[in-house]
Amino acid sequence: MTQNTQYNDPQPKISAIAYKKRLNAWAIVRVLPDMQRVLVARFRSRSDADGHLQRLRQLSPDTNFMVVFDFESDEALN
């Protein structure tokens, strides 16, 4: 079967980017004064984020870290 190599549709690329952003929805943030946040890392699963959070708290016990679910809606991506 032949392939149509001249088909240029930008929509699949946008969909792939949106899907890729949704893969890493869990994040560890460092909480700063005045409720400011600094993103430390992103993870695919909550358990991965919790494991890394535990290690960060061992390495920096005086720093305040938090696991958050960072969901961006499809409307924000378009």
PDB file of N, CA and C in Angstrom:
ATOM      1  N   MET A   1       0.840  -1.166   0.000  1.00  0.00           N
ATOM      2  CA  MET A   1       0.000   0.000   0.000  1.00  0.00           C
ATOM      3  C   MET A   1       0.896   1.243   0.000  1.00  0.00           C
ATOM      4  N   THR A   2       0.580   2.196  -0.819  1.00  0.00           N
ATOM      5  CA  THR A   2       1.380   3.410  -0.905  1.00  0.00           C
ATOM      6  C   THR A   2       0.975   4.397   0.190  1.00  0.00           C
ATOM      7  N   GLN A   3       1.891   5.246   0.561  1.00  0.00           N
ATOM      8  CA  GLN A   3       1.628   6.253   1.582  1.00  0.00           C
ATOM      9  C   GLN A   3       1.507   7.620   0.941  1.00  0.00           C
ATOM     10  N   ASN A   4       0.642   8.420   1.489  1.00  0.00           N
ATOM     11  CA  ASN A   4       0.485   9.788   1.034  1.00  0.00           C
ATOM     12  C   ASN A   4       1.496  10.646   1.804  1.00  0.00           C
ATOM     13  N   THR A   5       2.621  10.938   1.181  1.00  0.00           N
ATOM     14  CA  THR A   5       3.673  11.700   1.850  1.00  0.00           C
ATOM     15  C   THR A   5       3.529  13.204   1.656  1.00  0.00           C
ATOM     16  N   GLN A   6       2.572  13.629   0.865  1.00  0.00           N
ATOM     17  CA  GLN A   6       2.400  15.055   0.604  1.00  0.00           C
ATOM     18  C   GLN A   6       1.257  15.648   1.409  1.00  0.00           C
ATOM     19  N   TYR A   7       0.760  14.919   2.383  1.00  0.00           N
ATOM     20  CA  TYR A   7      -0.346  15.388   3.202  1.00  0.00           C
ATOM     21  C   TYR A   7       0.218  16.208   4.359  1.00  0.00           C
ATOM     22  N   ASN A   8      -0.067  17.491   4.377  1.00  0.00           N
ATOM     23  CA  ASN A   8       0.445  18.386   5.411  1.00  0.00           C
ATOM     24  C   ASN A   8      -0.707  18.878   6.271  1.00  0.00           C
ATOM     25  N   ASP A   9      -0.854  18.284   7.445  1.00  0.00           N
ATOM     26  CA  ASP A   9      -1.894  18.691   8.376  1.00  0.00           C
ATOM     27  C   ASP A   9      -1.243  19.051   9.699  1.00  0.00           C
ATOM     28  N   PRO A  10      -1.282  20.326  10.107  1.00  0.00           N
ATOM     29  CA  PRO A  10      -0.622  20.717  11.351  1.00  0.00           C
ATOM     30  C   PRO A  10      -1.335  20.220  12.605  1.00  0.00           C
ATOM     31  N   GLN A  11      -2.575  19.805  12.499  1.00  0.00           N
ATOM     32  CA  GLN A  11      -3.350  19.394  13.670  1.00  0.00           C
ATOM     33  C   GLN A  11      -2.741  18.211  14.420  1.00  0.00           C
ATOM     34  N   PRO A  12      -2.254  17.156  13.766  1.00  0.00           N
ATOM     35  CA  PRO A  12      -1.662  16.054  14.537  1.00  0.00           C
ATOM     36  C   PRO A  12      -0.464  16.497  15.373  1.00  0.00           C
ATOM     37  N   LYS A  13       0.327  17.435  14.884  1.00  0.00           N
ATOM     38  CA  LYS A  13       1.474  17.911  15.647  1.00  0.00           C
ATOM     39  C   LYS A  13       1.006  18.642  16.900  1.00  0.00           C
ATOM     40  N   ILE A  14      -0.013  19.465  16.779  1.00  0.00           N
ATOM     41  CA  ILE A  14      -0.563  20.182  17.934  1.00  0.00           C
ATOM     42  C   ILE A  14      -1.143  19.192  18.930  1.00  0.00           C
ATOM     43  N   SER A  15      -1.838  18.185  18.444  1.00  0.00           N
ATOM     44  CA  SER A  15      -2.404  17.170  19.326  1.00  0.00           C
ATOM     45  C   SER A  15      -1.313  16.395  20.042  1.00  0.00           C
ATOM     46  N   ALA A  16      -0.221  16.108  19.330  1.00  0.00           N
ATOM     47  CA  ALA A  16       0.885  15.372  19.941  1.00  0.00           C
ATOM     48  C   ALA A  16       1.532  16.204  21.039  1.00  0.00           C
ATOM     49  N   ILE A  17       1.665  17.501  20.833  1.00  0.00           N
ATOM     50  CA  ILE A  17       2.244  18.369  21.849  1.00  0.00           C
ATOM     51  C   ILE A  17       1.331  18.423  23.074  1.00  0.00           C
ATOM     52  N   ALA A  18       0.034  18.568  22.842  1.00  0.00           N
ATOM     53  CA  ALA A  18      -0.917  18.614  23.955  1.00  0.00           C
ATOM     54  C   ALA A  18      -0.882  17.306  24.739  1.00  0.00           C
ATOM     55  N   TYR A  19      -0.808  16.185  24.053  1.00  0.00           N
ATOM     56  CA  TYR A  19      -0.746  14.887  24.723  1.00  0.00           C
ATOM     57  C   TYR A  19       0.540  14.756  25.532  1.00  0.00           C
ATOM     58  N   LYS A  20       1.634  15.186  24.969  1.00  0.00           N
ATOM     59  CA  LYS A  20       2.914  15.083  25.665  1.00  0.00           C
ATOM     60  C   LYS A  20       2.912  15.928  26.936  1.00  0.00           C
ATOM     61  N   LYS A  21       2.306  17.101  26.901  1.00  0.00           N
ATOM     62  CA  LYS A  21       2.230  17.939  28.096  1.00  0.00           C
ATOM     63  C   LYS A  21       1.377  17.291  29.179  1.00  0.00           C
ATOM     64  N   ARG A  22       0.348  16.547  28.772  1.00  0.00           N
ATOM     65  CA  ARG A  22      -0.508  15.893  29.759  1.00  0.00           C
ATOM     66  C   ARG A  22       0.162  14.693  30.391  1.00  0.00           C
ATOM     67  N   LEU A  23       1.216  14.148  29.782  1.00  0.00           N
ATOM     68  CA  LEU A  23       1.885  12.981  30.336  1.00  0.00           C
ATOM     69  C   LEU A  23       2.557  13.290  31.663  1.00  0.00           C
ATOM     70  N   ASN A  24       3.135  14.443  31.781  1.00  0.00           N
ATOM     71  CA  ASN A  24       3.861  14.812  32.991  1.00  0.00           C
ATOM     72  C   ASN A  24       3.038  15.787  33.824  1.00  0.00           C
ATOM     73  N   ALA A  25       1.932  15.292  34.351  1.00  0.00           N
ATOM     74  CA  ALA A  25       1.011  16.172  35.057  1.00  0.00           C
ATOM     75  C   ALA A  25       1.390  16.391  36.513  1.00  0.00           C
ATOM     76  N   TRP A  26       2.145  15.492  37.110  1.00  0.00           N
ATOM     77  CA  TRP A  26       2.541  15.643  38.514  1.00  0.00           C
ATOM     78  C   TRP A  26       3.835  16.428  38.580  1.00  0.00           C
ATOM     79  N   ALA A  27       3.921  17.330  39.543  1.00  0.00           N
ATOM     80  CA  ALA A  27       5.103  18.173  39.656  1.00  0.00           C
ATOM     81  C   ALA A  27       5.473  18.371  41.121  1.00  0.00           C
ATOM     82  N   ILE A  28       6.755  18.610  41.336  1.00  0.00           N
ATOM     83  CA  ILE A  28       7.229  19.037  42.644  1.00  0.00           C
ATOM     84  C   ILE A  28       7.578  20.512  42.520  1.00  0.00           C
ATOM     85  N   VAL A  29       7.043  21.292  43.447  1.00  0.00           N
ATOM     86  CA  VAL A  29       7.336  22.722  43.464  1.00  0.00           C
ATOM     87  C   VAL A  29       7.955  23.086  44.803  1.00  0.00           C
ATOM     88  N   ARG A  30       8.791  24.074  44.766  1.00  0.00           N
ATOM     89  CA  ARG A  30       9.361  24.634  45.992  1.00  0.00           C
ATOM     90  C   ARG A  30       8.515  25.839  46.346  1.00  0.00           C
ATOM     91  N   VAL A  31       7.991  25.856  47.558  1.00  0.00           N
ATOM     92  CA  VAL A  31       7.122  26.946  47.999  1.00  0.00           C
ATOM     93  C   VAL A  31       7.986  28.026  48.637  1.00  0.00           C
ATOM     94  N   LEU A  32       7.875  29.219  48.082  1.00  0.00           N
ATOM     95  CA  LEU A  32       8.623  30.378  48.564  1.00  0.00           C
ATOM     96  C   LEU A  32       7.689  31.280  49.370  1.00  0.00           C
ATOM     97  N   PRO A  33       8.239  32.273  50.051  1.00  0.00           N
ATOM     98  CA  PRO A  33       7.371  33.215  50.773  1.00  0.00           C
ATOM     99  C   PRO A  33       6.364  33.876  49.825  1.00  0.00           C
ATOM    100  N   ASP A  34       5.274  34.313  50.392  1.00  0.00           N
ATOM    101  CA  ASP A  34       4.173  34.943  49.638  1.00  0.00           C
ATOM    102  C   ASP A  34       3.537  33.978  48.644  1.00  0.00           C
ATOM    103  N   MET A  35       3.562  32.680  48.963  1.00  0.00           N
ATOM    104  CA  MET A  35       2.939  31.629  48.156  1.00  0.00           C
ATOM    105  C   MET A  35       3.447  31.577  46.713  1.00  0.00           C
ATOM    106  N   GLN A  36       4.635  32.037  46.473  1.00  0.00           N
ATOM    107  CA  GLN A  36       5.248  31.884  45.154  1.00  0.00           C
ATOM    108  C   GLN A  36       5.760  30.461  45.035  1.00  0.00           C
ATOM    109  N   ARG A  37       5.767  29.945  43.809  1.00  0.00           N
ATOM    110  CA  ARG A  37       6.202  28.573  43.577  1.00  0.00           C
ATOM    111  C   ARG A  37       7.267  28.527  42.499  1.00  0.00           C
ATOM    112  N   VAL A  38       8.220  27.618  42.688  1.00  0.00           N
ATOM    113  CA  VAL A  38       9.261  27.374  41.696  1.00  0.00           C
ATOM    114  C   VAL A  38       9.176  25.898  41.319  1.00  0.00           C
ATOM    115  N   LEU A  39       8.996  25.621  40.042  1.00  0.00           N
ATOM    116  CA  LEU A  39       8.909  24.253  39.574  1.00  0.00           C
ATOM    117  C   LEU A  39      10.265  23.578  39.693  1.00  0.00           C
ATOM    118  N   VAL A  40      10.291  22.415  40.349  1.00  0.00           N
ATOM    119  CA  VAL A  40      11.528  21.672  40.536  1.00  0.00           C
ATOM    120  C   VAL A  40      11.626  20.554  39.508  1.00  0.00           C
ATOM    121  N   ALA A  41      10.547  19.766  39.352  1.00  0.00           N
ATOM    122  CA  ALA A  41      10.569  18.638  38.416  1.00  0.00           C
ATOM    123  C   ALA A  41       9.149  18.209  38.100  1.00  0.00           C
ATOM    124  N   ARG A  42       8.995  17.517  36.957  1.00  0.00           N
ATOM    125  CA  ARG A  42       7.702  16.968  36.528  1.00  0.00           C
ATOM    126  C   ARG A  42       7.810  15.458  36.439  1.00  0.00           C
ATOM    127  N   PHE A  43       6.673  14.781  36.692  1.00  0.00           N
ATOM    128  CA  PHE A  43       6.650  13.321  36.697  1.00  0.00           C
ATOM    129  C   PHE A  43       5.359  12.809  36.071  1.00  0.00           C
ATOM    130  N   ARG A  44       5.411  11.578  35.577  1.00  0.00           N
ATOM    131  CA  ARG A  44       4.230  10.961  34.987  1.00  0.00           C
ATOM    132  C   ARG A  44       3.284  10.392  36.021  1.00  0.00           C
ATOM    133  N   SER A  45       3.812   9.960  37.155  1.00  0.00           N
ATOM    134  CA  SER A  45       2.945   9.342  38.167  1.00  0.00           C
ATOM    135  C   SER A  45       3.133  10.004  39.520  1.00  0.00           C
ATOM    136  N   ARG A  46       2.106   9.914  40.331  1.00  0.00           N
ATOM    137  CA  ARG A  46       2.145  10.490  41.669  1.00  0.00           C
ATOM    138  C   ARG A  46       3.191   9.778  42.523  1.00  0.00           C
ATOM    139  N   SER A  47       3.296   8.463  42.356  1.00  0.00           N
ATOM    140  CA  SER A  47       4.251   7.714  43.178  1.00  0.00           C
ATOM    141  C   SER A  47       5.694   8.116  42.860  1.00  0.00           C
ATOM    142  N   ASP A  48       6.001   8.395  41.603  1.00  0.00           N
ATOM    143  CA  ASP A  48       7.343   8.885  41.247  1.00  0.00           C
ATOM    144  C   ASP A  48       7.610  10.234  41.909  1.00  0.00           C
ATOM    145  N   ALA A  49       6.619  11.110  41.865  1.00  0.00           N
ATOM    146  CA  ALA A  49       6.772  12.432  42.476  1.00  0.00           C
ATOM    147  C   ALA A  49       6.952  12.309  43.982  1.00  0.00           C
ATOM    148  N   ASP A  50       6.184  11.434  44.616  1.00  0.00           N
ATOM    149  CA  ASP A  50       6.305  11.251  46.059  1.00  0.00           C
ATOM    150  C   ASP A  50       7.676  10.705  46.441  1.00  0.00           C
ATOM    151  N   GLY A  51       8.209   9.777  45.655  1.00  0.00           N
ATOM    152  CA  GLY A  51       9.537   9.235  45.920  1.00  0.00           C
ATOM    153  C   GLY A  51      10.619  10.293  45.822  1.00  0.00           C
ATOM    154  N   HIS A  52      10.538  11.123  44.796  1.00  0.00           N
ATOM    155  CA  HIS A  52      11.516  12.198  44.640  1.00  0.00           C
ATOM    156  C   HIS A  52      11.356  13.256  45.735  1.00  0.00           C
ATOM    157  N   LEU A  53      10.115  13.508  46.121  1.00  0.00           N
ATOM    158  CA  LEU A  53       9.860  14.469  47.196  1.00  0.00           C
ATOM    159  C   LEU A  53      10.489  13.989  48.505  1.00  0.00           C
ATOM    160  N   GLN A  54      10.359  12.711  48.780  1.00  0.00           N
ATOM    161  CA  GLN A  54      10.955  12.154  49.992  1.00  0.00           C
ATOM    162  C   GLN A  54      12.474  12.360  49.997  1.00  0.00           C
ATOM    163  N   ARG A  55      13.097  12.124  48.864  1.00  0.00           N
ATOM    164  CA  ARG A  55      14.553  12.302  48.762  1.00  0.00           C
ATOM    165  C   ARG A  55      14.947  13.782  48.876  1.00  0.00           C
ATOM    166  N   LEU A  56      14.167  14.674  48.254  1.00  0.00           N
ATOM    167  CA  LEU A  56      14.458  16.103  48.358  1.00  0.00           C
ATOM    168  C   LEU A  56      14.368  16.580  49.801  1.00  0.00           C
ATOM    169  N   ARG A  57      13.379  16.063  50.530  1.00  0.00           N
ATOM    170  CA  ARG A  57      13.231  16.457  51.936  1.00  0.00           C
ATOM    171  C   ARG A  57      14.387  15.945  52.784  1.00  0.00           C
ATOM    172  N   GLN A  58      14.978  14.807  52.405  1.00  0.00           N
ATOM    173  CA  GLN A  58      16.157  14.303  53.113  1.00  0.00           C
ATOM    174  C   GLN A  58      17.369  15.187  52.831  1.00  0.00           C
ATOM    175  N   LEU A  59      17.495  15.622  51.582  1.00  0.00           N
ATOM    176  CA  LEU A  59      18.649  16.435  51.189  1.00  0.00           C
ATOM    177  C   LEU A  59      18.548  17.877  51.668  1.00  0.00           C
ATOM    178  N   SER A  60      17.333  18.403  51.697  1.00  0.00           N
ATOM    179  CA  SER A  60      17.108  19.805  52.103  1.00  0.00           C
ATOM    180  C   SER A  60      15.965  19.868  53.107  1.00  0.00           C
ATOM    181  N   PRO A  61      16.223  19.520  54.357  1.00  0.00           N
ATOM    182  CA  PRO A  61      15.124  19.456  55.327  1.00  0.00           C
ATOM    183  C   PRO A  61      14.513  20.818  55.669  1.00  0.00           C
ATOM    184  N   ASP A  62      15.219  21.899  55.453  1.00  0.00           N
ATOM    185  CA  ASP A  62      14.699  23.224  55.786  1.00  0.00           C
ATOM    186  C   ASP A  62      13.932  23.874  54.645  1.00  0.00           C
ATOM    187  N   THR A  63      13.864  23.209  53.497  1.00  0.00           N
ATOM    188  CA  THR A  63      13.185  23.755  52.324  1.00  0.00           C
ATOM    189  C   THR A  63      11.790  23.167  52.232  1.00  0.00           C
ATOM    190  N   ASN A  64      10.831  23.978  51.853  1.00  0.00           N
ATOM    191  CA  ASN A  64       9.444  23.546  51.772  1.00  0.00           C
ATOM    192  C   ASN A  64       9.102  23.132  50.338  1.00  0.00           C
ATOM    193  N   PHE A  65       8.853  21.830  50.118  1.00  0.00           N
ATOM    194  CA  PHE A  65       8.462  21.295  48.815  1.00  0.00           C
ATOM    195  C   PHE A  65       7.044  20.768  48.893  1.00  0.00           C
ATOM    196  N   MET A  66       6.387  20.682  47.726  1.00  0.00           N
ATOM    197  CA  MET A  66       5.023  20.189  47.664  1.00  0.00           C
ATOM    198  C   MET A  66       4.794  19.471  46.330  1.00  0.00           C
ATOM    199  N   VAL A  67       4.029  18.371  46.357  1.00  0.00           N
ATOM    200  CA  VAL A  67       3.624  17.694  45.130  1.00  0.00           C
ATOM    201  C   VAL A  67       2.293  18.292  44.696  1.00  0.00           C
ATOM    202  N   VAL A  68       2.205  18.673  43.417  1.00  0.00           N
ATOM    203  CA  VAL A  68       0.973  19.253  42.884  1.00  0.00           C
ATOM    204  C   VAL A  68       0.600  18.553  41.575  1.00  0.00           C
ATOM    205  N   PHE A  69      -0.689  18.566  41.289  1.00  0.00           N
ATOM    206  CA  PHE A  69      -1.175  18.081  40.000  1.00  0.00           C
ATOM    207  C   PHE A  69      -1.311  19.302  39.117  1.00  0.00           C
ATOM    208  N   ASP A  70      -0.480  19.385  38.083  1.00  0.00           N
ATOM    209  CA  ASP A  70      -0.426  20.557  37.218  1.00  0.00           C
ATOM    210  C   ASP A  70      -1.170  20.254  35.929  1.00  0.00           C
ATOM    211  N   PHE A  71      -2.469  20.487  35.940  1.00  0.00           N
ATOM    212  CA  PHE A  71      -3.297  20.185  34.779  1.00  0.00           C
ATOM    213  C   PHE A  71      -3.541  21.437  33.966  1.00  0.00           C
ATOM    214  N   GLU A  72      -3.161  21.386  32.696  1.00  0.00           N
ATOM    215  CA  GLU A  72      -3.463  22.480  31.776  1.00  0.00           C
ATOM    216  C   GLU A  72      -4.568  22.020  30.851  1.00  0.00           C
ATOM    217  N   SER A  73      -5.614  22.786  30.754  1.00  0.00           N
ATOM    218  CA  SER A  73      -6.723  22.392  29.892  1.00  0.00           C
ATOM    219  C   SER A  73      -6.330  22.520  28.431  1.00  0.00           C
ATOM    220  N   ASP A  74      -7.046  21.810  27.570  1.00  0.00           N
ATOM    221  CA  ASP A  74      -6.778  21.881  26.140  1.00  0.00           C
ATOM    222  C   ASP A  74      -6.981  23.296  25.599  1.00  0.00           C
ATOM    223  N   GLU A  75      -7.878  24.062  26.229  1.00  0.00           N
ATOM    224  CA  GLU A  75      -8.123  25.416  25.766  1.00  0.00           C
ATOM    225  C   GLU A  75      -6.897  26.297  25.972  1.00  0.00           C
ATOM    226  N   ALA A  76      -6.152  26.059  27.039  1.00  0.00           N
ATOM    227  CA  ALA A  76      -4.969  26.864  27.297  1.00  0.00           C
ATOM    228  C   ALA A  76      -3.846  26.523  26.320  1.00  0.00           C
ATOM    229  N   LEU A  77      -3.857  25.320  25.752  1.00  0.00           N
ATOM    230  CA  LEU A  77      -2.823  24.909  24.829  1.00  0.00           C
ATOM    231  C   LEU A  77      -3.069  25.408  23.412  1.00  0.00           C
ATOM    232  N   ASN A  78      -4.272  25.723  23.076  1.00  0.00           N
ATOM    233  CA  ASN A  78      -4.600  26.167  21.706  1.00  0.00           C
ATOM    234  C   ASN A  78      -4.428  27.652  21.570  1.00  0.00           C
TER     235      ASN A  78
END
